[in-house]
Amino acid sequence: MKFQLYIDAALTRDIPGDGLCAGDVVKIVDHHPVPGGEDGYSIEVFNALGDTIAVTSVPESSLASLLSNEVFSVRRLATAA
């Protein structure tokens, strides 16, 4: 398992169905081992006030560890029209 549970990570790709973009910070909440395939993770995403805005699953390749030379920023969440 590459990522520990309950740590923050960054998305490496957009997830349009949930309004998420590459670079958004997520909390890893579960690990889904896949024998002979790419492992997956359940993630929870919070808004700037700490409210849950999405819970979904992604493949391991959609996540990256946070680095010490990165900073948080804020963007507006796109809403369905």
PDB file of N, CA and C in Angstrom:
ATOM      1  N   MET A   1       0.846  -1.174   0.000  1.00  0.00           N
ATOM      2  CA  MET A   1       0.000   0.000   0.000  1.00  0.00           C
ATOM      3  C   MET A   1       0.893   1.239   0.000  1.00  0.00           C
ATOM      4  N   LYS A   2       0.716   2.068  -1.009  1.00  0.00           N
ATOM      5  CA  LYS A   2       1.551   3.256  -1.151  1.00  0.00           C
ATOM      6  C   LYS A   2       1.148   4.365  -0.187  1.00  0.00           C
ATOM      7  N   PHE A   3      -0.149   4.531   0.076  1.00  0.00           N
ATOM      8  CA  PHE A   3      -0.625   5.622   0.915  1.00  0.00           C
ATOM      9  C   PHE A   3      -1.172   5.090   2.230  1.00  0.00           C
ATOM     10  N   GLN A   4      -0.866   5.792   3.306  1.00  0.00           N
ATOM     11  CA  GLN A   4      -1.425   5.452   4.606  1.00  0.00           C
ATOM     12  C   GLN A   4      -2.850   5.981   4.673  1.00  0.00           C
ATOM     13  N   LEU A   5      -3.676   5.351   5.503  1.00  0.00           N
ATOM     14  CA  LEU A   5      -5.035   5.831   5.689  1.00  0.00           C
ATOM     15  C   LEU A   5      -5.039   7.107   6.524  1.00  0.00           C
ATOM     16  N   TYR A   6      -6.007   7.955   6.260  1.00  0.00           N
ATOM     17  CA  TYR A   6      -6.282   9.188   6.994  1.00  0.00           C
ATOM     18  C   TYR A   6      -5.212  10.261   6.827  1.00  0.00           C
ATOM     19  N   ILE A   7      -4.459  10.181   5.731  1.00  0.00           N
ATOM     20  CA  ILE A   7      -3.534  11.267   5.403  1.00  0.00           C
ATOM     21  C   ILE A   7      -4.110  12.070   4.235  1.00  0.00           C
ATOM     22  N   ASP A   8      -3.589  13.256   4.043  1.00  0.00           N
ATOM     23  CA  ASP A   8      -3.985  14.075   2.903  1.00  0.00           C
ATOM     24  C   ASP A   8      -3.105  13.728   1.706  1.00  0.00           C
ATOM     25  N   ALA A   9      -3.701  13.831   0.528  1.00  0.00           N
ATOM     26  CA  ALA A   9      -2.993  13.624  -0.727  1.00  0.00           C
ATOM     27  C   ALA A   9      -3.587  14.601  -1.740  1.00  0.00           C
ATOM     28  N   ALA A  10      -2.956  14.702  -2.899  1.00  0.00           N
ATOM     29  CA  ALA A  10      -3.463  15.570  -3.963  1.00  0.00           C
ATOM     30  C   ALA A  10      -3.925  14.718  -5.134  1.00  0.00           C
ATOM     31  N   LEU A  11      -4.998  15.147  -5.777  1.00  0.00           N
ATOM     32  CA  LEU A  11      -5.445  14.473  -6.994  1.00  0.00           C
ATOM     33  C   LEU A  11      -4.480  14.792  -8.130  1.00  0.00           C
ATOM     34  N   THR A  12      -4.227  13.817  -8.986  1.00  0.00           N
ATOM     35  CA  THR A  12      -3.367  14.036 -10.149  1.00  0.00           C
ATOM     36  C   THR A  12      -4.179  14.176 -11.431  1.00  0.00           C
ATOM     37  N   ARG A  13      -5.504  14.037 -11.318  1.00  0.00           N
ATOM     38  CA  ARG A  13      -6.367  14.190 -12.496  1.00  0.00           C
ATOM     39  C   ARG A  13      -7.703  14.764 -12.051  1.00  0.00           C
ATOM     40  N   ASP A  14      -8.427  15.324 -13.003  1.00  0.00           N
ATOM     41  CA  ASP A  14      -9.760  15.854 -12.732  1.00  0.00           C
ATOM     42  C   ASP A  14     -10.756  14.715 -12.541  1.00  0.00           C
ATOM     43  N   ILE A  15     -11.760  14.945 -11.722  1.00  0.00           N
ATOM     44  CA  ILE A  15     -12.902  14.038 -11.568  1.00  0.00           C
ATOM     45  C   ILE A  15     -14.145  14.904 -11.800  1.00  0.00           C
ATOM     46  N   PRO A  16     -14.495  15.119 -13.073  1.00  0.00           N
ATOM     47  CA  PRO A  16     -15.559  16.060 -13.421  1.00  0.00           C
ATOM     48  C   PRO A  16     -16.909  15.747 -12.767  1.00  0.00           C
ATOM     49  N   GLY A  17     -17.239  14.488 -12.625  1.00  0.00           N
ATOM     50  CA  GLY A  17     -18.524  14.121 -12.038  1.00  0.00           C
ATOM     51  C   GLY A  17     -18.707  14.617 -10.620  1.00  0.00           C
ATOM     52  N   ASP A  18     -17.607  14.840  -9.911  1.00  0.00           N
ATOM     53  CA  ASP A  18     -17.660  15.344  -8.544  1.00  0.00           C
ATOM     54  C   ASP A  18     -17.191  16.795  -8.443  1.00  0.00           C
ATOM     55  N   GLY A  19     -16.892  17.406  -9.605  1.00  0.00           N
ATOM     56  CA  GLY A  19     -16.425  18.790  -9.605  1.00  0.00           C
ATOM     57  C   GLY A  19     -15.019  18.961  -9.067  1.00  0.00           C
ATOM     58  N   LEU A  20     -14.227  17.893  -9.085  1.00  0.00           N
ATOM     59  CA  LEU A  20     -12.873  17.933  -8.523  1.00  0.00           C
ATOM     60  C   LEU A  20     -11.833  18.131  -9.618  1.00  0.00           C
ATOM     61  N   CYS A  21     -10.740  18.794  -9.264  1.00  0.00           N
ATOM     62  CA  CYS A  21      -9.676  19.087 -10.231  1.00  0.00           C
ATOM     63  C   CYS A  21      -8.337  18.556  -9.735  1.00  0.00           C
ATOM     64  N   ALA A  22      -7.469  18.264 -10.677  1.00  0.00           N
ATOM     65  CA  ALA A  22      -6.105  17.888 -10.324  1.00  0.00           C
ATOM     66  C   ALA A  22      -5.539  18.954  -9.403  1.00  0.00           C
ATOM     67  N   GLY A  23      -4.889  18.535  -8.330  1.00  0.00           N
ATOM     68  CA  GLY A  23      -4.337  19.456  -7.356  1.00  0.00           C
ATOM     69  C   GLY A  23      -5.207  19.628  -6.126  1.00  0.00           C
ATOM     70  N   ASP A  24      -6.480  19.238  -6.211  1.00  0.00           N
ATOM     71  CA  ASP A  24      -7.339  19.320  -5.022  1.00  0.00           C
ATOM     72  C   ASP A  24      -6.809  18.370  -3.958  1.00  0.00           C
ATOM     73  N   VAL A  25      -6.888  18.806  -2.715  1.00  0.00           N
ATOM     74  CA  VAL A  25      -6.416  18.000  -1.585  1.00  0.00           C
ATOM     75  C   VAL A  25      -7.555  17.130  -1.082  1.00  0.00           C
ATOM     76  N   VAL A  26      -7.253  15.844  -0.878  1.00  0.00           N
ATOM     77  CA  VAL A  26      -8.249  14.866  -0.442  1.00  0.00           C
ATOM     78  C   VAL A  26      -7.732  14.128   0.783  1.00  0.00           C
ATOM     79  N   LYS A  27      -8.639  13.515   1.522  1.00  0.00           N
ATOM     80  CA  LYS A  27      -8.284  12.671   2.669  1.00  0.00           C
ATOM     81  C   LYS A  27      -8.496  11.217   2.238  1.00  0.00           C
ATOM     82  N   ILE A  28      -7.475  10.383   2.421  1.00  0.00           N
ATOM     83  CA  ILE A  28      -7.583   8.960   2.082  1.00  0.00           C
ATOM     84  C   ILE A  28      -8.254   8.239   3.244  1.00  0.00           C
ATOM     85  N   VAL A  29      -9.377   7.557   2.959  1.00  0.00           N
ATOM     86  CA  VAL A  29     -10.147   6.940   4.035  1.00  0.00           C
ATOM     87  C   VAL A  29     -10.241   5.418   3.954  1.00  0.00           C
ATOM     88  N   ASP A  30      -9.885   4.816   2.817  1.00  0.00           N
ATOM     89  CA  ASP A  30      -9.905   3.355   2.718  1.00  0.00           C
ATOM     90  C   ASP A  30      -9.013   2.910   1.568  1.00  0.00           C
ATOM     91  N   HIS A  31      -8.520   1.700   1.668  1.00  0.00           N
ATOM     92  CA  HIS A  31      -7.652   1.096   0.654  1.00  0.00           C
ATOM     93  C   HIS A  31      -8.379  -0.091   0.048  1.00  0.00           C
ATOM     94  N   HIS A  32      -8.348  -0.203  -1.281  1.00  0.00           N
ATOM     95  CA  HIS A  32      -9.002  -1.298  -1.992  1.00  0.00           C
ATOM     96  C   HIS A  32      -7.952  -2.079  -2.784  1.00  0.00           C
ATOM     97  N   PRO A  33      -7.369  -3.135  -2.177  1.00  0.00           N
ATOM     98  CA  PRO A  33      -6.380  -3.926  -2.903  1.00  0.00           C
ATOM     99  C   PRO A  33      -7.019  -4.639  -4.090  1.00  0.00           C
ATOM    100  N   VAL A  34      -6.287  -4.691  -5.190  1.00  0.00           N
ATOM    101  CA  VAL A  34      -6.756  -5.384  -6.389  1.00  0.00           C
ATOM    102  C   VAL A  34      -5.653  -6.337  -6.830  1.00  0.00           C
ATOM    103  N   PRO A  35      -5.817  -7.641  -6.580  1.00  0.00           N
ATOM    104  CA  PRO A  35      -4.795  -8.596  -7.008  1.00  0.00           C
ATOM    105  C   PRO A  35      -4.584  -8.526  -8.523  1.00  0.00           C
ATOM    106  N   GLY A  36      -3.350  -8.346  -8.926  1.00  0.00           N
ATOM    107  CA  GLY A  36      -3.016  -8.313 -10.349  1.00  0.00           C
ATOM    108  C   GLY A  36      -3.431  -7.041 -11.057  1.00  0.00           C
ATOM    109  N   GLY A  37      -3.896  -6.046 -10.330  1.00  0.00           N
ATOM    110  CA  GLY A  37      -4.321  -4.787 -10.944  1.00  0.00           C
ATOM    111  C   GLY A  37      -3.880  -3.606 -10.108  1.00  0.00           C
ATOM    112  N   GLU A  38      -4.377  -2.447 -10.473  1.00  0.00           N
ATOM    113  CA  GLU A  38      -4.015  -1.227  -9.749  1.00  0.00           C
ATOM    114  C   GLU A  38      -4.904  -1.064  -8.519  1.00  0.00           C
ATOM    115  N   ASP A  39      -4.291  -0.917  -7.360  1.00  0.00           N
ATOM    116  CA  ASP A  39      -5.040  -0.702  -6.133  1.00  0.00           C
ATOM    117  C   ASP A  39      -5.824   0.607  -6.220  1.00  0.00           C
ATOM    118  N   GLY A  40      -6.869   0.693  -5.423  1.00  0.00           N
ATOM    119  CA  GLY A  40      -7.681   1.896  -5.373  1.00  0.00           C
ATOM    120  C   GLY A  40      -7.821   2.394  -3.954  1.00  0.00           C
ATOM    121  N   TYR A  41      -8.341   3.610  -3.828  1.00  0.00           N
ATOM    122  CA  TYR A  41      -8.547   4.231  -2.528  1.00  0.00           C
ATOM    123  C   TYR A  41      -9.881   4.966  -2.513  1.00  0.00           C
ATOM    124  N   SER A  42     -10.554   4.912  -1.376  1.00  0.00           N
ATOM    125  CA  SER A  42     -11.706   5.779  -1.156  1.00  0.00           C
ATOM    126  C   SER A  42     -11.161   7.081  -0.596  1.00  0.00           C
ATOM    127  N   ILE A  43     -11.706   8.183  -1.095  1.00  0.00           N
ATOM    128  CA  ILE A  43     -11.253   9.496  -0.649  1.00  0.00           C
ATOM    129  C   ILE A  43     -12.455  10.326  -0.204  1.00  0.00           C
ATOM    130  N   GLU A  44     -12.199  11.241   0.706  1.00  0.00           N
ATOM    131  CA  GLU A  44     -13.206  12.204   1.123  1.00  0.00           C
ATOM    132  C   GLU A  44     -12.633  13.592   0.849  1.00  0.00           C
ATOM    133  N   VAL A  45     -13.483  14.467   0.336  1.00  0.00           N
ATOM    134  CA  VAL A  45     -13.049  15.805  -0.035  1.00  0.00           C
ATOM    135  C   VAL A  45     -13.870  16.809   0.765  1.00  0.00           C
ATOM    136  N   PHE A  46     -13.183  17.807   1.306  1.00  0.00           N
ATOM    137  CA  PHE A  46     -13.821  18.808   2.147  1.00  0.00           C
ATOM    138  C   PHE A  46     -13.724  20.186   1.499  1.00  0.00           C
ATOM    139  N   ASN A  47     -14.699  21.047   1.795  1.00  0.00           N
ATOM    140  CA  ASN A  47     -14.582  22.432   1.352  1.00  0.00           C
ATOM    141  C   ASN A  47     -13.697  23.194   2.343  1.00  0.00           C
ATOM    142  N   ALA A  48     -13.499  24.474   2.110  1.00  0.00           N
ATOM    143  CA  ALA A  48     -12.592  25.265   2.945  1.00  0.00           C
ATOM    144  C   ALA A  48     -13.071  25.395   4.387  1.00  0.00           C
ATOM    145  N   LEU A  49     -14.364  25.132   4.628  1.00  0.00           N
ATOM    146  CA  LEU A  49     -14.911  25.215   5.981  1.00  0.00           C
ATOM    147  C   LEU A  49     -14.935  23.872   6.691  1.00  0.00           C
ATOM    148  N   GLY A  50     -14.491  22.820   6.007  1.00  0.00           N
ATOM    149  CA  GLY A  50     -14.425  21.498   6.622  1.00  0.00           C
ATOM    150  C   GLY A  50     -15.635  20.625   6.407  1.00  0.00           C
ATOM    151  N   ASP A  51     -16.572  21.059   5.551  1.00  0.00           N
ATOM    152  CA  ASP A  51     -17.750  20.252   5.237  1.00  0.00           C
ATOM    153  C   ASP A  51     -17.417  19.270   4.128  1.00  0.00           C
ATOM    154  N   THR A  52     -17.906  18.041   4.242  1.00  0.00           N
ATOM    155  CA  THR A  52     -17.692  17.040   3.193  1.00  0.00           C
ATOM    156  C   THR A  52     -18.449  17.452   1.938  1.00  0.00           C
ATOM    157  N   ILE A  53     -17.745  17.433   0.795  1.00  0.00           N
ATOM    158  CA  ILE A  53     -18.397  17.751  -0.475  1.00  0.00           C
ATOM    159  C   ILE A  53     -18.400  16.578  -1.435  1.00  0.00           C
ATOM    160  N   ALA A  54     -17.560  15.563  -1.183  1.00  0.00           N
ATOM    161  CA  ALA A  54     -17.543  14.385  -2.057  1.00  0.00           C
ATOM    162  C   ALA A  54     -16.865  13.225  -1.342  1.00  0.00           C
ATOM    163  N   VAL A  55     -17.385  12.039  -1.605  1.00  0.00           N
ATOM    164  CA  VAL A  55     -16.746  10.783  -1.201  1.00  0.00           C
ATOM    165  C   VAL A  55     -16.781   9.895  -2.434  1.00  0.00           C
ATOM    166  N   THR A  56     -15.622   9.435  -2.861  1.00  0.00           N
ATOM    167  CA  THR A  56     -15.552   8.635  -4.077  1.00  0.00           C
ATOM    168  C   THR A  56     -14.340   7.711  -4.011  1.00  0.00           C
ATOM    169  N   SER A  57     -14.179   6.883  -5.010  1.00  0.00           N
ATOM    170  CA  SER A  57     -13.019   5.986  -5.106  1.00  0.00           C
ATOM    171  C   SER A  57     -12.209   6.342  -6.334  1.00  0.00           C
ATOM    172  N   VAL A  58     -10.895   6.211  -6.213  1.00  0.00           N
ATOM    173  CA  VAL A  58      -9.988   6.504  -7.324  1.00  0.00           C
ATOM    174  C   VAL A  58      -8.881   5.460  -7.364  1.00  0.00           C
ATOM    175  N   PRO A  59      -8.281   5.243  -8.540  1.00  0.00           N
ATOM    176  CA  PRO A  59      -7.106   4.376  -8.608  1.00  0.00           C
ATOM    177  C   PRO A  59      -5.900   5.061  -7.975  1.00  0.00           C
ATOM    178  N   GLU A  60      -4.956   4.264  -7.532  1.00  0.00           N
ATOM    179  CA  GLU A  60      -3.751   4.796  -6.882  1.00  0.00           C
ATOM    180  C   GLU A  60      -3.044   5.844  -7.736  1.00  0.00           C
ATOM    181  N   SER A  61      -3.050   5.658  -9.053  1.00  0.00           N
ATOM    182  CA  SER A  61      -2.359   6.593  -9.949  1.00  0.00           C
ATOM    183  C   SER A  61      -3.009   7.976  -9.979  1.00  0.00           C
ATOM    184  N   SER A  62      -4.180   8.125  -9.387  1.00  0.00           N
ATOM    185  CA  SER A  62      -4.861   9.416  -9.341  1.00  0.00           C
ATOM    186  C   SER A  62      -4.497  10.228  -8.106  1.00  0.00           C
ATOM    187  N   LEU A  63      -3.555   9.721  -7.313  1.00  0.00           N
ATOM    188  CA  LEU A  63      -3.168  10.380  -6.071  1.00  0.00           C
ATOM    189  C   LEU A  63      -1.670  10.644  -6.031  1.00  0.00           C
ATOM    190  N   ALA A  64      -1.299  11.716  -5.379  1.00  0.00           N
ATOM    191  CA  ALA A  64       0.120  12.031  -5.174  1.00  0.00           C
ATOM    192  C   ALA A  64       0.300  12.522  -3.745  1.00  0.00           C
ATOM    193  N   SER A  65       1.441  12.210  -3.176  1.00  0.00           N
ATOM    194  CA  SER A  65       1.762  12.691  -1.834  1.00  0.00           C
ATOM    195  C   SER A  65       1.938  14.207  -1.860  1.00  0.00           C
ATOM    196  N   LEU A  66       1.603  14.846  -0.753  1.00  0.00           N
ATOM    197  CA  LEU A  66       1.854  16.281  -0.627  1.00  0.00           C
ATOM    198  C   LEU A  66       3.337  16.500  -0.340  1.00  0.00           C
ATOM    199  N   LEU A  67       3.873  17.603  -0.846  1.00  0.00           N
ATOM    200  CA  LEU A  67       5.291  17.901  -0.709  1.00  0.00           C
ATOM    201  C   LEU A  67       5.497  19.170   0.111  1.00  0.00           C
ATOM    202  N   SER A  68       6.651  19.287   0.724  1.00  0.00           N
ATOM    203  CA  SER A  68       6.935  20.428   1.601  1.00  0.00           C
ATOM    204  C   SER A  68       7.039  21.750   0.846  1.00  0.00           C
ATOM    205  N   ASN A  69       7.248  21.715  -0.465  1.00  0.00           N
ATOM    206  CA  ASN A  69       7.368  22.957  -1.231  1.00  0.00           C
ATOM    207  C   ASN A  69       6.054  23.328  -1.931  1.00  0.00           C
ATOM    208  N   GLU A  70       4.926  22.761  -1.457  1.00  0.00           N
ATOM    209  CA  GLU A  70       3.612  23.079  -2.008  1.00  0.00           C
ATOM    210  C   GLU A  70       2.817  23.891  -0.986  1.00  0.00           C
ATOM    211  N   VAL A  71       1.903  24.727  -1.489  1.00  0.00           N
ATOM    212  CA  VAL A  71       1.039  25.524  -0.624  1.00  0.00           C
ATOM    213  C   VAL A  71      -0.421  25.269  -0.998  1.00  0.00           C
ATOM    214  N   PHE A  72      -1.320  25.466  -0.028  1.00  0.00           N
ATOM    215  CA  PHE A  72      -2.744  25.358  -0.297  1.00  0.00           C
ATOM    216  C   PHE A  72      -3.220  26.616  -1.007  1.00  0.00           C
ATOM    217  N   SER A  73      -4.275  26.482  -1.802  1.00  0.00           N
ATOM    218  CA  SER A  73      -4.938  27.636  -2.390  1.00  0.00           C
ATOM    219  C   SER A  73      -6.444  27.354  -2.374  1.00  0.00           C
ATOM    220  N   VAL A  74      -7.215  28.336  -2.753  1.00  0.00           N
ATOM    221  CA  VAL A  74      -8.666  28.206  -2.734  1.00  0.00           C
ATOM    222  C   VAL A  74      -9.205  28.454  -4.129  1.00  0.00           C
ATOM    223  N   ARG A  75     -10.194  27.668  -4.527  1.00  0.00           N
ATOM    224  CA  ARG A  75     -10.904  27.884  -5.791  1.00  0.00           C
ATOM    225  C   ARG A  75     -12.381  27.637  -5.535  1.00  0.00           C
ATOM    226  N   ARG A  76     -13.217  28.196  -6.360  1.00  0.00           N
ATOM    227  CA  ARG A  76     -14.649  27.968  -6.225  1.00  0.00           C
ATOM    228  C   ARG A  76     -15.006  26.624  -6.836  1.00  0.00           C
ATOM    229  N   LEU A  77     -15.877  25.906  -6.152  1.00  0.00           N
ATOM    230  CA  LEU A  77     -16.364  24.627  -6.661  1.00  0.00           C
ATOM    231  C   LEU A  77     -17.418  24.902  -7.705  1.00  0.00           C
ATOM    232  N   ALA A  78     -17.205  24.364  -8.902  1.00  0.00           N
ATOM    233  CA  ALA A  78     -18.180  24.528  -9.987  1.00  0.00           C
ATOM    234  C   ALA A  78     -19.441  23.761  -9.611  1.00  0.00           C
ATOM    235  N   THR A  79     -20.587  24.382  -9.834  1.00  0.00           N
ATOM    236  CA  THR A  79     -21.853  23.716  -9.555  1.00  0.00           C
ATOM    237  C   THR A  79     -22.574  23.424 -10.862  1.00  0.00           C
ATOM    238  N   ALA A  80     -23.351  22.360 -10.848  1.00  0.00           N
ATOM    239  CA  ALA A  80     -24.099  21.992 -12.058  1.00  0.00           C
ATOM    240  C   ALA A  80     -25.116  23.077 -12.385  1.00  0.00           C
ATOM    241  N   ALA A  81     -25.222  23.386 -13.647  1.00  0.00           N
ATOM    242  CA  ALA A  81     -26.166  24.431 -14.083  1.00  0.00           C
ATOM    243  C   ALA A  81     -27.547  23.868 -14.285  1.00  0.00           C
TER     244      ALA A  81
END
